[in-house]
Amino acid sequence: MDTRYMTTKELAAHIRKTPHAVRQMRHRGLGPKGTRVGREVLYAVRDVERWMSAKTAGDRLAQRAAA
């Protein structure tokens, strides 16, 4: 099983948010699923991709722009 993971900092850079914003999104249940490993929270890249796809699918402007 080849699963790649992102740290909170890496995810924040990927979605152009601050690490604090990513933590708040996770706390509120608005961000991708994360797994705590020790003191660090790791995000599986496949979960981040699914989350981004769902966000895009729910964005009417993104859907219009793609058409």
Protein backbone atom coordinates (compact mmCIF):
# COMPACT_ATOMS: atom_id res chain seq x y z
CA MET A 1 0.00 0.00 0.00
CA ASP A 2 1.65 3.19 -1.21
CA THR A 3 -0.07 6.05 0.59
CA ARG A 4 1.47 9.51 0.55
CA TYR A 5 0.76 11.99 3.32
CA MET A 6 0.89 15.76 3.78
CA THR A 7 1.56 17.64 6.98
CA THR A 8 -0.67 20.51 8.04
CA LYS A 9 1.94 22.95 6.77
CA GLU A 10 2.17 21.21 3.38
CA LEU A 11 -1.61 21.11 3.02
CA ALA A 12 -1.83 24.79 3.92
CA ALA A 13 0.69 25.67 1.20
CA HIS A 14 -1.17 23.45 -1.27
CA ILE A 15 -4.51 25.21 -0.74
CA ARG A 16 -2.93 28.64 -0.11
CA LYS A 17 -4.15 28.97 3.46
CA THR A 18 -2.31 29.30 6.76
CA PRO A 19 -1.67 26.25 8.94
CA HIS A 20 -3.97 27.85 11.52
CA ALA A 21 -6.78 28.04 8.94
CA VAL A 22 -6.28 24.36 8.09
CA ARG A 23 -6.46 23.42 11.78
CA GLN A 24 -9.66 25.48 12.17
CA MET A 25 -11.20 23.82 9.10
CA ARG A 26 -10.38 20.39 10.51
CA HIS A 27 -11.75 21.31 13.93
CA ARG A 28 -15.03 22.51 12.36
CA GLY A 29 -15.31 19.46 10.11
CA LEU A 30 -14.86 21.51 6.94
CA GLY A 31 -11.47 20.23 5.85
CA PRO A 32 -10.14 16.91 4.60
CA LYS A 33 -9.90 13.97 6.96
CA GLY A 34 -6.70 14.04 9.01
CA THR A 35 -5.03 11.44 11.20
CA ARG A 36 -3.10 12.35 14.33
CA VAL A 37 0.30 10.66 14.53
CA GLY A 38 1.92 11.73 17.77
CA ARG A 39 1.74 15.52 17.82
CA GLU A 40 1.41 15.83 14.05
CA VAL A 41 -1.74 15.59 11.94
CA LEU A 42 -1.21 13.92 8.59
CA TYR A 43 -3.53 14.09 5.59
CA ALA A 44 -3.58 11.29 3.03
CA VAL A 45 -3.10 12.81 -0.43
CA ARG A 46 -5.99 10.72 -1.78
CA ASP A 47 -8.30 12.19 0.91
CA VAL A 48 -7.15 15.72 0.06
CA GLU A 49 -7.82 15.06 -3.63
CA ARG A 50 -11.32 13.70 -2.86
CA TRP A 51 -12.05 16.70 -0.65
CA MET A 52 -10.91 19.12 -3.37
CA SER A 53 -13.03 17.28 -5.97
CA ALA A 54 -16.08 17.54 -3.72
CA LYS A 55 -15.41 21.25 -3.16
CA THR A 56 -15.11 21.82 -6.91
CA ALA A 57 -18.26 19.78 -7.63
CA GLY A 58 -20.19 21.95 -5.18
CA ASP A 59 -18.87 25.22 -6.65
CA ARG A 60 -21.31 26.46 -9.31
CA LEU A 61 -18.86 29.05 -10.64
CA ALA A 62 -16.17 26.40 -11.13
CA GLN A 63 -18.67 24.20 -12.97
CA ARG A 64 -19.69 27.08 -15.27
CA ALA A 65 -16.07 27.95 -16.01
CA ALA A 66 -15.33 24.33 -16.97
CA ALA A 67 -18.27 24.17 -19.38
